[in-house]
Every structure is written in C-alpha cells, then in structure tokens.
Amino acid sequence: MCVEIIEQFQKCHVDHPVGKFFGECTDLKIKLDRCFRQEKALKRKANFEESKKLKERLQAYRKENDERETDLTQSL
C-alpha cells in the first residue's frame, strides 16, 4: 500500500545524503507515517472482523456441545 512513498523516501535519502539531516525529506516522511497508520488501521479492522467470526463459530460449537451433553444425560 505504501510502496510508492517508501521508494520516493529512499530516493530522497540517496539524492540528498546531507540534506536528509536538515529536513529535505521530511514531507515524504510525514506522508509515509500517515500511510503506515492507515495501513495499520485497515489491518486492525480486518483482524477484528475475523476475530468476531471466530468467536461466533466458537459460541455455536459450544452451544452444540452443550445440547449434545444435555441430550445424553437426559437419555440416561
């Protein structure tokens, strides 16, 4: 997602070996940080959705097992 900005940032460091210490590439660094934050937020949201699905499946599995256990104890 941020590959283009990373390449621009690296090129800036190569093109301005001394200027990078005096803010020559600061704008690109700010863009890169923002991009990384957006990427992280997207991943966090996807992981949260996946965990919700997993939690629902686990609850359904537990409920099914509880019902089976109840049926077994009642038949005895």
PDB file of N, CA and C in Angstrom:
ATOM      1  N   MET A   1       0.824  -1.194   0.000  1.00  0.00           N
ATOM      2  CA  MET A   1       0.000   0.000   0.000  1.00  0.00           C
ATOM      3  C   MET A   1       0.868   1.258   0.000  1.00  0.00           C
ATOM      4  N   CYS A   2       1.954   1.237   0.709  1.00  0.00           N
ATOM      5  CA  CYS A   2       2.799   2.424   0.849  1.00  0.00           C
ATOM      6  C   CYS A   2       4.098   2.314   0.050  1.00  0.00           C
ATOM      7  N   VAL A   3       4.149   1.378  -0.862  1.00  0.00           N
ATOM      8  CA  VAL A   3       5.389   1.085  -1.580  1.00  0.00           C
ATOM      9  C   VAL A   3       5.906   2.297  -2.340  1.00  0.00           C
ATOM     10  N   GLU A   4       5.018   3.005  -3.002  1.00  0.00           N
ATOM     11  CA  GLU A   4       5.440   4.156  -3.805  1.00  0.00           C
ATOM     12  C   GLU A   4       6.084   5.237  -2.930  1.00  0.00           C
ATOM     13  N   ILE A   5       5.480   5.503  -1.803  1.00  0.00           N
ATOM     14  CA  ILE A   5       6.017   6.524  -0.896  1.00  0.00           C
ATOM     15  C   ILE A   5       7.354   6.065  -0.317  1.00  0.00           C
ATOM     16  N   ILE A   6       7.471   4.785  -0.005  1.00  0.00           N
ATOM     17  CA  ILE A   6       8.735   4.244   0.516  1.00  0.00           C
ATOM     18  C   ILE A   6       9.842   4.441  -0.505  1.00  0.00           C
ATOM     19  N   GLU A   7       9.540   4.133  -1.766  1.00  0.00           N
ATOM     20  CA  GLU A   7      10.552   4.291  -2.821  1.00  0.00           C
ATOM     21  C   GLU A   7      10.950   5.752  -2.986  1.00  0.00           C
ATOM     22  N   GLN A   8       9.973   6.663  -2.931  1.00  0.00           N
ATOM     23  CA  GLN A   8      10.280   8.094  -3.028  1.00  0.00           C
ATOM     24  C   GLN A   8      11.144   8.543  -1.850  1.00  0.00           C
ATOM     25  N   PHE A   9      10.828   8.056  -0.675  1.00  0.00           N
ATOM     26  CA  PHE A   9      11.575   8.411   0.525  1.00  0.00           C
ATOM     27  C   PHE A   9      13.025   7.905   0.438  1.00  0.00           C
ATOM     28  N   GLN A  10      13.187   6.666  -0.008  1.00  0.00           N
ATOM     29  CA  GLN A  10      14.533   6.115  -0.167  1.00  0.00           C
ATOM     30  C   GLN A  10      15.323   6.879  -1.225  1.00  0.00           C
ATOM     31  N   LYS A  11      14.655   7.242  -2.314  1.00  0.00           N
ATOM     32  CA  LYS A  11      15.317   8.008  -3.375  1.00  0.00           C
ATOM     33  C   LYS A  11      15.738   9.377  -2.845  1.00  0.00           C
ATOM     34  N   CYS A  12      14.886   9.983  -2.033  1.00  0.00           N
ATOM     35  CA  CYS A  12      15.219  11.281  -1.441  1.00  0.00           C
ATOM     36  C   CYS A  12      16.477  11.172  -0.587  1.00  0.00           C
ATOM     37  N   HIS A  13      16.592  10.105   0.171  1.00  0.00           N
ATOM     38  CA  HIS A  13      17.779   9.913   1.006  1.00  0.00           C
ATOM     39  C   HIS A  13      19.027   9.712   0.158  1.00  0.00           C
ATOM     40  N   VAL A  14      18.884   9.023  -0.962  1.00  0.00           N
ATOM     41  CA  VAL A  14      20.033   8.803  -1.854  1.00  0.00           C
ATOM     42  C   VAL A  14      20.409  10.108  -2.550  1.00  0.00           C
ATOM     43  N   ASP A  15      19.405  10.850  -3.007  1.00  0.00           N
ATOM     44  CA  ASP A  15      19.658  12.095  -3.741  1.00  0.00           C
ATOM     45  C   ASP A  15      20.168  13.220  -2.847  1.00  0.00           C
ATOM     46  N   HIS A  16      19.837  13.175  -1.578  1.00  0.00           N
ATOM     47  CA  HIS A  16      20.210  14.248  -0.648  1.00  0.00           C
ATOM     48  C   HIS A  16      20.868  13.648   0.598  1.00  0.00           C
ATOM     49  N   PRO A  17      22.102  13.137   0.469  1.00  0.00           N
ATOM     50  CA  PRO A  17      22.726  12.452   1.602  1.00  0.00           C
ATOM     51  C   PRO A  17      22.950  13.357   2.822  1.00  0.00           C
ATOM     52  N   VAL A  18      23.180  14.635   2.609  1.00  0.00           N
ATOM     53  CA  VAL A  18      23.368  15.549   3.732  1.00  0.00           C
ATOM     54  C   VAL A  18      22.053  16.275   4.052  1.00  0.00           C
ATOM     55  N   GLY A  19      21.309  16.600   3.022  1.00  0.00           N
ATOM     56  CA  GLY A  19      20.056  17.334   3.192  1.00  0.00           C
ATOM     57  C   GLY A  19      19.022  16.576   3.998  1.00  0.00           C
ATOM     58  N   LYS A  20      19.129  15.247   3.986  1.00  0.00           N
ATOM     59  CA  LYS A  20      18.158  14.459   4.756  1.00  0.00           C
ATOM     60  C   LYS A  20      18.244  14.762   6.245  1.00  0.00           C
ATOM     61  N   PHE A  21      19.409  15.222   6.697  1.00  0.00           N
ATOM     62  CA  PHE A  21      19.575  15.560   8.113  1.00  0.00           C
ATOM     63  C   PHE A  21      19.003  16.945   8.438  1.00  0.00           C
ATOM     64  N   PHE A  22      18.715  17.711   7.387  1.00  0.00           N
ATOM     65  CA  PHE A  22      18.217  19.080   7.590  1.00  0.00           C
ATOM     66  C   PHE A  22      16.794  19.261   7.070  1.00  0.00           C
ATOM     67  N   GLY A  23      16.041  18.164   6.988  1.00  0.00           N
ATOM     68  CA  GLY A  23      14.633  18.253   6.661  1.00  0.00           C
ATOM     69  C   GLY A  23      14.282  18.178   5.189  1.00  0.00           C
ATOM     70  N   GLU A  24      15.208  17.799   4.364  1.00  0.00           N
ATOM     71  CA  GLU A  24      14.959  17.715   2.926  1.00  0.00           C
ATOM     72  C   GLU A  24      13.862  16.691   2.596  1.00  0.00           C
ATOM     73  N   CYS A  25      13.792  15.623   3.368  1.00  0.00           N
ATOM     74  CA  CYS A  25      12.846  14.531   3.083  1.00  0.00           C
ATOM     75  C   CYS A  25      11.712  14.448   4.101  1.00  0.00           C
ATOM     76  N   THR A  26      11.542  15.491   4.894  1.00  0.00           N
ATOM     77  CA  THR A  26      10.564  15.477   5.974  1.00  0.00           C
ATOM     78  C   THR A  26       9.128  15.303   5.470  1.00  0.00           C
ATOM     79  N   ASP A  27       8.787  15.976   4.375  1.00  0.00           N
ATOM     80  CA  ASP A  27       7.422  15.855   3.846  1.00  0.00           C
ATOM     81  C   ASP A  27       7.098  14.414   3.465  1.00  0.00           C
ATOM     82  N   LEU A  28       8.061  13.742   2.851  1.00  0.00           N
ATOM     83  CA  LEU A  28       7.846  12.343   2.487  1.00  0.00           C
ATOM     84  C   LEU A  28       7.737  11.465   3.724  1.00  0.00           C
ATOM     85  N   LYS A  29       8.512  11.782   4.743  1.00  0.00           N
ATOM     86  CA  LYS A  29       8.453  11.015   5.990  1.00  0.00           C
ATOM     87  C   LYS A  29       7.072  11.149   6.629  1.00  0.00           C
ATOM     88  N   ILE A  30       6.521  12.352   6.594  1.00  0.00           N
ATOM     89  CA  ILE A  30       5.191  12.582   7.161  1.00  0.00           C
ATOM     90  C   ILE A  30       4.149  11.791   6.372  1.00  0.00           C
ATOM     91  N   LYS A  31       4.247  11.822   5.038  1.00  0.00           N
ATOM     92  CA  LYS A  31       3.323  11.049   4.196  1.00  0.00           C
ATOM     93  C   LYS A  31       3.442   9.558   4.492  1.00  0.00           C
ATOM     94  N   LEU A  32       4.666   9.103   4.670  1.00  0.00           N
ATOM     95  CA  LEU A  32       4.914   7.685   4.949  1.00  0.00           C
ATOM     96  C   LEU A  32       4.312   7.278   6.293  1.00  0.00           C
ATOM     97  N   ASP A  33       4.484   8.105   7.299  1.00  0.00           N
ATOM     98  CA  ASP A  33       3.903   7.811   8.612  1.00  0.00           C
ATOM     99  C   ASP A  33       2.381   7.736   8.540  1.00  0.00           C
ATOM    100  N   ARG A  34       1.778   8.664   7.800  1.00  0.00           N
ATOM    101  CA  ARG A  34       0.313   8.647   7.643  1.00  0.00           C
ATOM    102  C   ARG A  34      -0.145   7.384   6.924  1.00  0.00           C
ATOM    103  N   CYS A  35       0.596   7.028   5.894  1.00  0.00           N
ATOM    104  CA  CYS A  35       0.249   5.828   5.131  1.00  0.00           C
ATOM    105  C   CYS A  35       0.337   4.586   6.014  1.00  0.00           C
ATOM    106  N   PHE A  36       1.392   4.495   6.808  1.00  0.00           N
ATOM    107  CA  PHE A  36       1.542   3.344   7.706  1.00  0.00           C
ATOM    108  C   PHE A  36       0.398   3.287   8.722  1.00  0.00           C
ATOM    109  N   ARG A  37      -0.020   4.458   9.231  1.00  0.00           N
ATOM    110  CA  ARG A  37      -1.136   4.481  10.173  1.00  0.00           C
ATOM    111  C   ARG A  37      -2.425   3.993   9.521  1.00  0.00           C
ATOM    112  N   GLN A  38      -2.670   4.425   8.281  1.00  0.00           N
ATOM    113  CA  GLN A  38      -3.873   3.976   7.561  1.00  0.00           C
ATOM    114  C   GLN A  38      -3.821   2.474   7.314  1.00  0.00           C
ATOM    115  N   GLU A  39      -2.652   1.996   6.917  1.00  0.00           N
ATOM    116  CA  GLU A  39      -2.486   0.568   6.658  1.00  0.00           C
ATOM    117  C   GLU A  39      -2.733  -0.240   7.937  1.00  0.00           C
ATOM    118  N   LYS A  40      -2.209   0.245   9.032  1.00  0.00           N
ATOM    119  CA  LYS A  40      -2.393  -0.442  10.312  1.00  0.00           C
ATOM    120  C   LYS A  40      -3.861  -0.456  10.715  1.00  0.00           C
ATOM    121  N   ALA A  41      -4.558   0.653  10.488  1.00  0.00           N
ATOM    122  CA  ALA A  41      -5.981   0.726  10.836  1.00  0.00           C
ATOM    123  C   ALA A  41      -6.787  -0.274  10.010  1.00  0.00           C
ATOM    124  N   LEU A  42      -6.462  -0.411   8.739  1.00  0.00           N
ATOM    125  CA  LEU A  42      -7.153  -1.380   7.887  1.00  0.00           C
ATOM    126  C   LEU A  42      -6.912  -2.805   8.366  1.00  0.00           C
ATOM    127  N   LYS A  43      -5.669  -3.099   8.707  1.00  0.00           N
ATOM    128  CA  LYS A  43      -5.342  -4.440   9.194  1.00  0.00           C
ATOM    129  C   LYS A  43      -6.037  -4.716  10.524  1.00  0.00           C
ATOM    130  N   ARG A  44      -6.059  -3.706  11.391  1.00  0.00           N
ATOM    131  CA  ARG A  44      -6.712  -3.863  12.691  1.00  0.00           C
ATOM    132  C   ARG A  44      -8.196  -4.163  12.503  1.00  0.00           C
ATOM    133  N   LYS A  45      -8.833  -3.450  11.588  1.00  0.00           N
ATOM    134  CA  LYS A  45     -10.257  -3.664  11.332  1.00  0.00           C
ATOM    135  C   LYS A  45     -10.506  -5.063  10.777  1.00  0.00           C
ATOM    136  N   ALA A  46      -9.666  -5.495   9.842  1.00  0.00           N
ATOM    137  CA  ALA A  46      -9.815  -6.838   9.267  1.00  0.00           C
ATOM    138  C   ALA A  46      -9.622  -7.910  10.333  1.00  0.00           C
ATOM    139  N   ASN A  47      -8.627  -7.730  11.192  1.00  0.00           N
ATOM    140  CA  ASN A  47      -8.383  -8.696  12.265  1.00  0.00           C
ATOM    141  C   ASN A  47      -9.550  -8.736  13.246  1.00  0.00           C
ATOM    142  N   PHE A  48     -10.137  -7.583  13.534  1.00  0.00           N
ATOM    143  CA  PHE A  48     -11.273  -7.530  14.445  1.00  0.00           C
ATOM    144  C   PHE A  48     -12.465  -8.276  13.853  1.00  0.00           C
ATOM    145  N   GLU A  49     -12.724  -8.063  12.565  1.00  0.00           N
ATOM    146  CA  GLU A  49     -13.832  -8.764  11.906  1.00  0.00           C
ATOM    147  C   GLU A  49     -13.599 -10.270  11.912  1.00  0.00           C
ATOM    148  N   GLU A  50     -12.373 -10.674  11.662  1.00  0.00           N
ATOM    149  CA  GLU A  50     -12.044 -12.103  11.668  1.00  0.00           C
ATOM    150  C   GLU A  50     -12.224 -12.691  13.065  1.00  0.00           C
ATOM    151  N   SER A  51     -11.834 -11.946  14.086  1.00  0.00           N
ATOM    152  CA  SER A  51     -11.991 -12.453  15.454  1.00  0.00           C
ATOM    153  C   SER A  51     -13.467 -12.561  15.834  1.00  0.00           C
ATOM    154  N   LYS A  52     -14.306 -11.635  15.335  1.00  0.00           N
ATOM    155  CA  LYS A  52     -15.739 -11.729  15.595  1.00  0.00           C
ATOM    156  C   LYS A  52     -16.307 -13.007  14.983  1.00  0.00           C
ATOM    157  N   LYS A  53     -15.910 -13.316  13.761  1.00  0.00           N
ATOM    158  CA  LYS A  53     -16.387 -14.527  13.093  1.00  0.00           C
ATOM    159  C   LYS A  53     -15.949 -15.767  13.862  1.00  0.00           C
ATOM    160  N   LEU A  54     -14.699 -15.775  14.285  1.00  0.00           N
ATOM    161  CA  LEU A  54     -14.176 -16.907  15.037  1.00  0.00           C
ATOM    162  C   LEU A  54     -14.912 -17.071  16.361  1.00  0.00           C
ATOM    163  N   LYS A  55     -15.180 -15.960  17.023  1.00  0.00           N
ATOM    164  CA  LYS A  55     -15.895 -16.004  18.299  1.00  0.00           C
ATOM    165  C   LYS A  55     -17.306 -16.558  18.109  1.00  0.00           C
ATOM    166  N   GLU A  56     -17.985 -16.136  17.034  1.00  0.00           N
ATOM    167  CA  GLU A  56     -19.329 -16.643  16.759  1.00  0.00           C
ATOM    168  C   GLU A  56     -19.308 -18.142  16.486  1.00  0.00           C
ATOM    169  N   ARG A  57     -18.324 -18.593  15.720  1.00  0.00           N
ATOM    170  CA  ARG A  57     -18.201 -20.030  15.440  1.00  0.00           C
ATOM    171  C   ARG A  57     -17.942 -20.808  16.717  1.00  0.00           C
ATOM    172  N   LEU A  58     -17.111 -20.273  17.582  1.00  0.00           N
ATOM    173  CA  LEU A  58     -16.793 -20.939  18.839  1.00  0.00           C
ATOM    174  C   LEU A  58     -18.034 -21.024  19.731  1.00  0.00           C
ATOM    175  N   GLN A  59     -18.802 -19.955  19.796  1.00  0.00           N
ATOM    176  CA  GLN A  59     -20.023 -19.971  20.605  1.00  0.00           C
ATOM    177  C   GLN A  59     -21.025 -20.990  20.063  1.00  0.00           C
ATOM    178  N   ALA A  60     -21.147 -21.066  18.741  1.00  0.00           N
ATOM    179  CA  ALA A  60     -22.057 -22.045  18.135  1.00  0.00           C
ATOM    180  C   ALA A  60     -21.596 -23.460  18.446  1.00  0.00           C
ATOM    181  N   TYR A  61     -20.294 -23.686  18.393  1.00  0.00           N
ATOM    182  CA  TYR A  61     -19.738 -25.002  18.695  1.00  0.00           C
ATOM    183  C   TYR A  61     -20.007 -25.383  20.148  1.00  0.00           C
ATOM    184  N   ARG A  62     -19.781 -24.437  21.049  1.00  0.00           N
ATOM    185  CA  ARG A  62     -20.030 -24.697  22.473  1.00  0.00           C
ATOM    186  C   ARG A  62     -21.505 -24.989  22.742  1.00  0.00           C
ATOM    187  N   LYS A  63     -22.386 -24.228  22.104  1.00  0.00           N
ATOM    188  CA  LYS A  63     -23.822 -24.435  22.284  1.00  0.00           C
ATOM    189  C   LYS A  63     -24.222 -25.819  21.784  1.00  0.00           C
ATOM    190  N   GLU A  64     -23.683 -26.209  20.649  1.00  0.00           N
ATOM    191  CA  GLU A  64     -23.975 -27.529  20.095  1.00  0.00           C
ATOM    192  C   GLU A  64     -23.499 -28.632  21.029  1.00  0.00           C
ATOM    193  N   ASN A  65     -22.305 -28.475  21.572  1.00  0.00           N
ATOM    194  CA  ASN A  65     -21.784 -29.478  22.508  1.00  0.00           C
ATOM    195  C   ASN A  65     -22.607 -29.530  23.789  1.00  0.00           C
ATOM    196  N   ASP A  66     -23.041 -28.394  24.286  1.00  0.00           N
ATOM    197  CA  ASP A  66     -23.880 -28.361  25.486  1.00  0.00           C
ATOM    198  C   ASP A  66     -25.203 -29.080  25.244  1.00  0.00           C
ATOM    199  N   GLU A  67     -25.780 -28.870  24.059  1.00  0.00           N
ATOM    200  CA  GLU A  67     -27.039 -29.535  23.723  1.00  0.00           C
ATOM    201  C   GLU A  67     -26.855 -31.047  23.636  1.00  0.00           C
ATOM    202  N   ARG A  68     -25.756 -31.472  23.040  1.00  0.00           N
ATOM    203  CA  ARG A  68     -25.477 -32.911  22.955  1.00  0.00           C
ATOM    204  C   ARG A  68     -25.310 -33.510  24.349  1.00  0.00           C
ATOM    205  N   GLU A  69     -24.581 -32.791  25.187  1.00  0.00           N
ATOM    206  CA  GLU A  69     -24.337 -33.272  26.547  1.00  0.00           C
ATOM    207  C   GLU A  69     -25.649 -33.368  27.322  1.00  0.00           C
ATOM    208  N   THR A  70     -26.525 -32.391  27.154  1.00  0.00           N
ATOM    209  CA  THR A  70     -27.835 -32.393  27.806  1.00  0.00           C
ATOM    210  C   THR A  70     -28.662 -33.574  27.314  1.00  0.00           C
ATOM    211  N   ASP A  71     -28.656 -33.822  26.018  1.00  0.00           N
ATOM    212  CA  ASP A  71     -29.412 -34.953  25.457  1.00  0.00           C
ATOM    213  C   ASP A  71     -28.891 -36.286  25.998  1.00  0.00           C
ATOM    214  N   LEU A  72     -27.591 -36.415  26.122  1.00  0.00           N
ATOM    215  CA  LEU A  72     -27.004 -37.646  26.629  1.00  0.00           C
ATOM    216  C   LEU A  72     -27.374 -37.886  28.087  1.00  0.00           C
ATOM    217  N   THR A  73     -27.327 -36.843  28.892  1.00  0.00           N
ATOM    218  CA  THR A  73     -27.655 -37.015  30.304  1.00  0.00           C
ATOM    219  C   THR A  73     -29.140 -37.290  30.522  1.00  0.00           C
ATOM    220  N   GLN A  74     -29.977 -36.725  29.666  1.00  0.00           N
ATOM    221  CA  GLN A  74     -31.407 -36.962  29.792  1.00  0.00           C
ATOM    222  C   GLN A  74     -31.774 -38.379  29.368  1.00  0.00           C
ATOM    223  N   SER A  75     -31.064 -38.933  28.407  1.00  0.00           N
ATOM    224  CA  SER A  75     -31.384 -40.276  27.933  1.00  0.00           C
ATOM    225  C   SER A  75     -30.924 -41.354  28.921  1.00  0.00           C
ATOM    226  N   LEU A  76     -30.046 -40.992  29.820  1.00  0.00           N
ATOM    227  CA  LEU A  76     -29.582 -41.967  30.806  1.00  0.00           C
ATOM    228  C   LEU A  76     -30.519 -41.969  31.949  1.00  0.00           C
TER     229      LEU A  76
END
